N, C-alpha and C. Protein backbone atom coordinates (compact mmCIF):
# COMPACT_ATOMS: atom_id res chain seq x y z
N MET A 1 -10.65 -101.24 231.23
CA MET A 1 -10.71 -100.12 230.34
C MET A 1 -11.24 -100.54 228.97
N LYS A 2 -10.91 -101.75 228.58
CA LYS A 2 -11.37 -102.25 227.30
C LYS A 2 -12.89 -102.37 227.29
N LYS A 3 -13.47 -102.77 228.41
CA LYS A 3 -14.91 -102.91 228.53
C LYS A 3 -15.59 -101.54 228.37
N PHE A 4 -14.97 -100.49 228.88
CA PHE A 4 -15.49 -99.13 228.78
C PHE A 4 -15.59 -98.70 227.32
N TRP A 5 -14.56 -98.96 226.52
CA TRP A 5 -14.55 -98.57 225.12
C TRP A 5 -15.57 -99.36 224.31
N VAL A 6 -15.76 -100.60 224.66
CA VAL A 6 -16.75 -101.42 223.96
C VAL A 6 -18.16 -100.90 224.25
N ILE A 7 -18.43 -100.60 225.49
CA ILE A 7 -19.76 -100.08 225.85
C ILE A 7 -19.97 -98.71 225.25
N LEU A 8 -18.94 -97.85 225.29
CA LEU A 8 -19.05 -96.52 224.69
C LEU A 8 -19.29 -96.61 223.19
N GLY A 9 -18.59 -97.49 222.51
CA GLY A 9 -18.79 -97.68 221.07
C GLY A 9 -20.18 -98.18 220.77
N ALA A 10 -20.70 -99.09 221.56
CA ALA A 10 -22.05 -99.62 221.36
C ALA A 10 -23.10 -98.53 221.58
N LEU A 11 -22.89 -97.68 222.59
CA LEU A 11 -23.82 -96.58 222.83
C LEU A 11 -23.79 -95.55 221.70
N ILE A 12 -22.60 -95.29 221.19
CA ILE A 12 -22.49 -94.32 220.09
C ILE A 12 -23.20 -94.86 218.84
N VAL A 13 -22.98 -96.13 218.52
CA VAL A 13 -23.64 -96.72 217.35
C VAL A 13 -25.15 -96.74 217.54
N ALA A 14 -25.62 -97.08 218.72
CA ALA A 14 -27.06 -97.11 218.98
C ALA A 14 -27.64 -95.71 218.94
N GLY A 15 -26.90 -94.73 219.45
CA GLY A 15 -27.39 -93.35 219.46
C GLY A 15 -27.46 -92.77 218.06
N VAL A 16 -26.46 -93.06 217.24
CA VAL A 16 -26.46 -92.54 215.87
C VAL A 16 -27.60 -93.17 215.07
N SER A 17 -27.81 -94.46 215.19
CA SER A 17 -28.88 -95.10 214.43
C SER A 17 -30.26 -94.68 214.95
N ALA A 18 -30.38 -94.37 216.21
CA ALA A 18 -31.66 -93.93 216.75
C ALA A 18 -31.97 -92.49 216.32
N TYR A 19 -30.94 -91.68 216.12
CA TYR A 19 -31.11 -90.28 215.76
C TYR A 19 -31.20 -90.09 214.24
N ALA A 20 -30.96 -91.12 213.47
CA ALA A 20 -30.85 -91.00 212.02
C ALA A 20 -32.11 -90.42 211.39
N GLY A 21 -33.27 -90.77 211.84
CA GLY A 21 -34.50 -90.26 211.24
C GLY A 21 -35.10 -89.11 212.00
N GLY A 22 -34.42 -88.60 212.98
CA GLY A 22 -34.99 -87.56 213.83
C GLY A 22 -35.06 -86.20 213.20
N LEU A 23 -34.44 -85.95 212.06
CA LEU A 23 -34.43 -84.63 211.45
C LEU A 23 -35.58 -84.41 210.47
N ALA A 24 -36.33 -85.46 210.17
CA ALA A 24 -37.43 -85.34 209.21
C ALA A 24 -38.60 -84.61 209.86
N ASP A 25 -39.36 -83.87 209.02
CA ASP A 25 -40.54 -83.18 209.52
C ASP A 25 -41.61 -84.19 209.88
N ALA A 26 -42.43 -83.82 210.83
CA ALA A 26 -43.53 -84.69 211.23
C ALA A 26 -44.57 -84.75 210.12
N ILE A 27 -45.15 -85.89 209.90
CA ILE A 27 -46.16 -86.06 208.86
C ILE A 27 -47.50 -85.61 209.42
N THR A 28 -48.08 -84.63 208.77
CA THR A 28 -49.39 -84.15 209.19
C THR A 28 -50.37 -84.42 208.06
N GLU A 29 -51.52 -84.95 208.43
CA GLU A 29 -52.54 -85.25 207.43
C GLU A 29 -53.54 -84.11 207.40
N THR A 30 -53.88 -83.69 206.19
CA THR A 30 -54.85 -82.62 206.03
C THR A 30 -56.12 -83.19 205.43
N VAL A 31 -57.20 -82.53 205.67
CA VAL A 31 -58.49 -82.96 205.13
C VAL A 31 -58.54 -82.56 203.66
N PRO A 32 -58.85 -83.49 202.77
CA PRO A 32 -58.90 -83.13 201.34
C PRO A 32 -60.04 -82.15 201.07
N VAL A 33 -59.76 -81.19 200.23
CA VAL A 33 -60.75 -80.19 199.86
C VAL A 33 -61.27 -80.53 198.47
N MET A 34 -62.58 -80.64 198.36
CA MET A 34 -63.19 -80.98 197.08
C MET A 34 -63.40 -79.68 196.29
N ALA A 35 -62.78 -79.59 195.14
CA ALA A 35 -62.92 -78.42 194.28
C ALA A 35 -64.14 -78.61 193.39
N GLU A 36 -64.95 -77.56 193.30
CA GLU A 36 -66.12 -77.62 192.44
C GLU A 36 -65.71 -77.33 191.01
N PRO A 37 -66.18 -78.14 190.06
CA PRO A 37 -65.81 -77.90 188.66
C PRO A 37 -66.43 -76.60 188.15
N MET A 38 -65.67 -75.87 187.38
CA MET A 38 -66.16 -74.63 186.79
C MET A 38 -66.64 -74.91 185.37
N GLU A 39 -67.65 -74.15 184.96
CA GLU A 39 -68.16 -74.31 183.60
C GLU A 39 -67.16 -73.73 182.63
N ALA A 40 -66.94 -74.44 181.55
CA ALA A 40 -66.00 -73.97 180.53
C ALA A 40 -66.65 -72.87 179.70
N LYS A 41 -65.91 -71.79 179.51
CA LYS A 41 -66.42 -70.70 178.68
C LYS A 41 -66.12 -71.02 177.22
N PRO A 42 -67.07 -70.78 176.34
CA PRO A 42 -66.79 -71.03 174.92
C PRO A 42 -65.79 -70.00 174.41
N SER A 43 -64.94 -70.44 173.50
CA SER A 43 -63.91 -69.53 172.99
C SER A 43 -64.48 -68.55 171.96
N LEU A 44 -65.55 -68.91 171.29
CA LEU A 44 -66.18 -68.03 170.30
C LEU A 44 -67.62 -67.76 170.71
N PRO A 45 -68.12 -66.58 170.42
CA PRO A 45 -69.56 -66.36 170.65
C PRO A 45 -70.37 -67.28 169.76
N SER A 46 -71.60 -67.54 170.15
CA SER A 46 -72.42 -68.53 169.44
C SER A 46 -72.86 -68.05 168.06
N TRP A 47 -72.76 -66.79 167.75
CA TRP A 47 -73.22 -66.29 166.46
C TRP A 47 -72.13 -66.29 165.39
N VAL A 48 -70.89 -66.54 165.75
CA VAL A 48 -69.78 -66.43 164.79
C VAL A 48 -69.84 -67.53 163.74
N ILE A 49 -70.09 -68.76 164.13
CA ILE A 49 -70.07 -69.88 163.18
C ILE A 49 -71.24 -69.78 162.19
N PRO A 50 -72.48 -69.52 162.64
CA PRO A 50 -73.55 -69.36 161.64
C PRO A 50 -73.31 -68.18 160.71
N ALA A 51 -72.75 -67.08 161.22
CA ALA A 51 -72.47 -65.93 160.37
C ALA A 51 -71.41 -66.28 159.33
N ALA A 52 -70.42 -67.06 159.71
CA ALA A 52 -69.39 -67.48 158.76
C ALA A 52 -69.97 -68.40 157.69
N VAL A 53 -70.87 -69.28 158.07
CA VAL A 53 -71.50 -70.19 157.10
C VAL A 53 -72.36 -69.38 156.12
N ILE A 54 -73.12 -68.41 156.62
CA ILE A 54 -73.95 -67.57 155.75
C ILE A 54 -73.08 -66.76 154.79
N ALA A 55 -71.98 -66.20 155.30
CA ALA A 55 -71.07 -65.44 154.44
C ALA A 55 -70.45 -66.34 153.38
N LEU A 56 -70.14 -67.56 153.73
CA LEU A 56 -69.57 -68.50 152.76
C LEU A 56 -70.60 -68.84 151.68
N LEU A 57 -71.84 -69.06 152.07
CA LEU A 57 -72.89 -69.37 151.09
C LEU A 57 -73.15 -68.19 150.16
N ILE A 58 -73.13 -66.98 150.70
CA ILE A 58 -73.32 -65.80 149.85
C ILE A 58 -72.15 -65.66 148.89
N GLY A 59 -70.95 -65.91 149.36
CA GLY A 59 -69.77 -65.83 148.49
C GLY A 59 -69.82 -66.85 147.38
N VAL A 60 -70.26 -68.07 147.67
CA VAL A 60 -70.39 -69.11 146.64
C VAL A 60 -71.47 -68.72 145.65
N ALA A 61 -72.55 -68.17 146.12
CA ALA A 61 -73.64 -67.78 145.22
C ALA A 61 -73.19 -66.65 144.29
N VAL A 62 -72.44 -65.69 144.79
CA VAL A 62 -71.96 -64.59 143.95
C VAL A 62 -70.93 -65.09 142.95
N ALA A 63 -70.07 -65.98 143.36
CA ALA A 63 -69.04 -66.50 142.47
C ALA A 63 -69.64 -67.42 141.40
N ALA A 64 -70.73 -68.08 141.71
CA ALA A 64 -71.36 -69.00 140.76
C ALA A 64 -72.28 -68.28 139.79
N ASN A 65 -72.54 -67.01 139.98
CA ASN A 65 -73.41 -66.26 139.08
C ASN A 65 -72.65 -66.06 137.77
N ASP A 66 -72.96 -66.90 136.81
CA ASP A 66 -72.25 -66.86 135.53
C ASP A 66 -73.23 -66.44 134.44
N ASP A 67 -73.01 -65.29 133.88
CA ASP A 67 -73.87 -64.80 132.78
C ASP A 67 -73.29 -65.28 131.46
N ASP A 68 -74.10 -65.97 130.71
CA ASP A 68 -73.68 -66.43 129.40
C ASP A 68 -74.16 -65.47 128.30
N ASP A 69 -74.66 -64.29 128.66
CA ASP A 69 -75.16 -63.32 127.67
C ASP A 69 -74.05 -62.81 126.76
N ASP A 70 -72.86 -62.67 127.26
CA ASP A 70 -71.76 -62.14 126.45
C ASP A 70 -71.38 -63.11 125.34
N GLU A 71 -71.45 -64.38 125.56
CA GLU A 71 -71.07 -65.35 124.55
C GLU A 71 -72.14 -65.45 123.45
N ASP A 72 -73.37 -65.21 123.80
CA ASP A 72 -74.44 -65.30 122.80
C ASP A 72 -74.35 -64.15 121.78
N ASP A 73 -73.84 -62.99 122.19
CA ASP A 73 -73.72 -61.85 121.29
C ASP A 73 -72.64 -62.07 120.24
N SER A 74 -71.66 -62.86 120.55
CA SER A 74 -70.55 -63.03 119.60
C SER A 74 -70.82 -64.15 118.59
N ALA A 75 -71.91 -64.85 118.72
CA ALA A 75 -72.21 -65.95 117.80
C ALA A 75 -72.64 -65.38 116.46
N PRO A 76 -72.25 -66.06 115.37
CA PRO A 76 -72.63 -65.57 114.04
C PRO A 76 -74.13 -65.69 113.83
N VAL A 77 -74.68 -64.75 113.12
CA VAL A 77 -76.12 -64.71 112.89
C VAL A 77 -76.45 -65.25 111.54
């Protein structure tokens, strides 16, 4: 009877260790898909930056227009 329990115990240990990895999903390999790169869209239209530079230059030109005619009138004659 002792021999029966030893063999049964050995079979149980072997069965548990053999079944240990049996619940994992099978590994399936898929073919890699090559994605084509997309062109990046610009965030601003191409005319915005030149228009901003022109507006800045016009603003500087208007602000720099300094008439000294008023000071000449107040000078003693």
